[in-house]
Amino acid sequence: MQIQKSKSQPNNSLQEFYTELATNGDPLTEQIGNTMLKWIERIENKLPNAVIYGLTSHMQLILMPEETYRSDWAVKLIGSNGNYTVQYLLPRKDSPWLNAYVTGEFNDFDEAVAMTVRAIQLCELWPIDQLRKQN
């Protein structure tokens, strides 16, 4: 299933937002835009049954189980040029404080994608039946 844009940001789709960045003219911004477009596509392919909502905060992609910004910001992604960051919200039962995140830094895009899928699973905010991976 396609990652749906949060209704909190109704203007353009995630793809339109990152395509705009990818054609911005600034090399770093373009690289981030292209990376995020590829990342979205890979998540959608890996988790085709997951209902995922997304919004953008600056250039970050925020993945959520519900469609408004008031939902838990479950997974945060940003990356370009061989540097990828994946953050996920610790489940409340495991969290030392409210809204504690685990952060992973990766140099390999495929590893970052795999860890994104793992982060979506580990935050425990999506129904388990939606999280069956495709290779």
Protein backbone atom coordinates (compact mmCIF):
# COMPACT_ATOMS: atom_id res chain seq x y z
CA MET A 1 0.00 0.00 0.00
CA GLN A 2 1.19 3.49 -0.75
CA ILE A 3 2.32 5.64 2.18
CA GLN A 4 -0.49 8.15 2.58
CA LYS A 5 0.16 11.82 3.27
CA SER A 6 -1.14 12.93 6.67
CA LYS A 7 -4.28 15.02 6.46
CA SER A 8 -2.40 17.51 8.66
CA GLN A 9 -0.40 18.46 5.53
CA PRO A 10 -3.00 18.46 2.76
CA ASN A 11 -1.14 20.50 0.12
CA ASN A 12 0.81 17.95 -1.93
CA SER A 13 1.69 14.26 -1.77
CA LEU A 14 4.90 12.96 -0.24
CA GLN A 15 6.11 12.12 -3.74
CA GLU A 16 5.38 15.67 -4.93
CA PHE A 17 7.18 17.16 -1.91
CA TYR A 18 10.32 15.07 -2.42
CA THR A 19 10.21 15.48 -6.22
CA GLU A 20 10.21 19.24 -5.63
CA LEU A 21 13.32 18.83 -3.46
CA ALA A 22 14.92 16.55 -6.07
CA THR A 23 14.63 19.31 -8.68
CA ASN A 24 15.54 22.19 -6.34
CA GLY A 25 18.89 23.13 -7.90
CA ASP A 26 20.87 22.73 -4.67
CA PRO A 27 22.93 19.50 -4.90
CA LEU A 28 22.43 18.41 -1.26
CA THR A 29 18.70 19.16 -1.31
CA GLU A 30 18.34 17.27 -4.60
CA GLN A 31 20.21 14.31 -3.15
CA ILE A 32 17.91 14.22 -0.10
CA GLY A 33 14.82 14.44 -2.34
CA ASN A 34 15.98 11.57 -4.56
CA THR A 35 16.97 9.43 -1.58
CA MET A 36 13.64 9.95 0.16
CA LEU A 37 11.68 9.09 -3.00
CA LYS A 38 13.62 5.84 -3.30
CA TRP A 39 13.18 5.13 0.42
CA ILE A 40 9.39 5.58 0.21
CA GLU A 41 9.21 3.20 -2.75
CA ARG A 42 11.26 0.55 -0.95
CA ILE A 43 9.13 0.73 2.23
CA GLU A 44 5.96 0.40 0.16
CA ASN A 45 7.41 -2.66 -1.60
CA LYS A 46 8.65 -4.28 1.63
CA LEU A 47 5.42 -3.72 3.61
CA PRO A 48 2.63 -3.81 1.03
CA ASN A 49 -0.10 -4.50 3.63
CA ALA A 50 0.87 -1.80 6.11
CA VAL A 51 -1.31 1.27 6.45
CA ILE A 52 1.30 3.99 6.91
CA TYR A 53 0.74 7.73 7.04
CA GLY A 54 3.55 10.18 6.47
CA LEU A 55 4.29 13.80 7.01
CA THR A 56 7.36 15.90 6.52
CA SER A 57 9.18 17.94 9.11
CA HIS A 58 11.77 20.06 7.34
CA MET A 59 13.15 17.35 5.04
CA GLN A 60 12.57 14.40 7.39
CA LEU A 61 9.91 11.81 6.64
CA ILE A 62 7.80 10.92 9.66
CA LEU A 63 5.92 7.60 9.53
CA MET A 64 2.80 7.21 11.65
CA PRO A 65 0.07 4.59 12.21
CA GLU A 66 -2.70 7.22 12.06
CA GLU A 67 -3.40 10.13 9.75
CA THR A 68 -2.84 13.28 11.82
CA TYR A 69 0.27 14.85 13.30
CA ARG A 70 -1.18 14.18 16.76
CA SER A 71 -0.53 10.47 16.18
CA ASP A 72 2.71 9.06 17.56
CA TRP A 73 5.64 9.99 15.33
CA ALA A 74 6.62 6.33 15.14
CA VAL A 75 9.59 6.38 12.75
CA LYS A 76 11.69 9.32 11.50
CA LEU A 77 13.87 9.06 8.40
CA ILE A 78 16.43 11.29 6.73
CA GLY A 79 19.32 10.49 4.46
CA SER A 80 21.55 11.32 1.53
CA ASN A 81 24.98 10.61 0.12
CA GLY A 82 25.59 7.39 2.03
CA ASN A 83 24.42 8.72 5.42
CA TYR A 84 21.03 7.50 6.62
CA THR A 85 19.33 8.02 9.97
CA VAL A 86 16.45 5.90 11.25
CA GLN A 87 14.76 6.76 14.55
CA TYR A 88 11.90 4.87 16.13
CA LEU A 89 9.71 5.56 19.13
CA LEU A 90 10.27 3.10 21.95
CA PRO A 91 7.09 1.32 23.04
CA ARG A 92 5.72 2.96 26.21
CA LYS A 93 6.28 -0.24 28.21
CA ASP A 94 10.03 -0.10 27.40
CA SER A 95 10.51 3.66 27.46
CA PRO A 96 12.50 5.30 30.28
CA TRP A 97 10.56 8.52 29.60
CA LEU A 98 7.75 9.70 27.36
CA ASN A 99 8.69 9.90 23.66
CA ALA A 100 12.09 8.19 23.93
CA TYR A 101 13.60 7.29 20.55
CA VAL A 102 16.23 4.81 19.41
CA THR A 103 18.50 6.18 16.67
CA GLY A 104 20.47 4.19 14.13
CA GLU A 105 23.02 5.59 11.67
CA PHE A 106 23.77 3.67 8.47
CA ASN A 107 26.13 4.06 5.51
CA ASP A 108 24.40 1.46 3.34
CA PHE A 109 20.98 2.26 1.83
CA ASP A 110 19.78 -1.36 1.79
CA GLU A 111 20.66 -1.68 5.47
CA ALA A 112 18.80 1.56 6.24
CA VAL A 113 15.72 0.21 4.44
CA ALA A 114 15.92 -3.08 6.35
CA MET A 115 16.27 -1.20 9.64
CA THR A 116 13.32 1.02 8.72
CA VAL A 117 11.15 -2.07 8.37
CA ARG A 118 12.54 -3.36 11.68
CA ALA A 119 11.87 0.02 13.33
CA ILE A 120 8.24 -0.08 12.16
CA GLN A 121 7.94 -3.51 13.78
CA LEU A 122 9.78 -2.61 16.99
CA CYS A 123 7.75 0.50 17.83
CA GLU A 124 4.71 -1.81 18.14
CA LEU A 125 2.21 0.74 16.83
CA TRP A 126 0.99 -1.15 13.75
CA PRO A 127 -1.18 -4.29 13.82
CA ILE A 128 1.05 -7.34 13.42
CA ASP A 129 -0.94 -8.64 10.43
CA GLN A 130 0.08 -5.54 8.43
CA LEU A 131 3.79 -6.17 8.92
CA ARG A 132 4.43 -9.23 6.79
CA LYS A 133 7.49 -8.40 4.71
CA GLN A 134 7.94 -8.94 0.99
CA ASN A 135 11.45 -9.63 -0.27
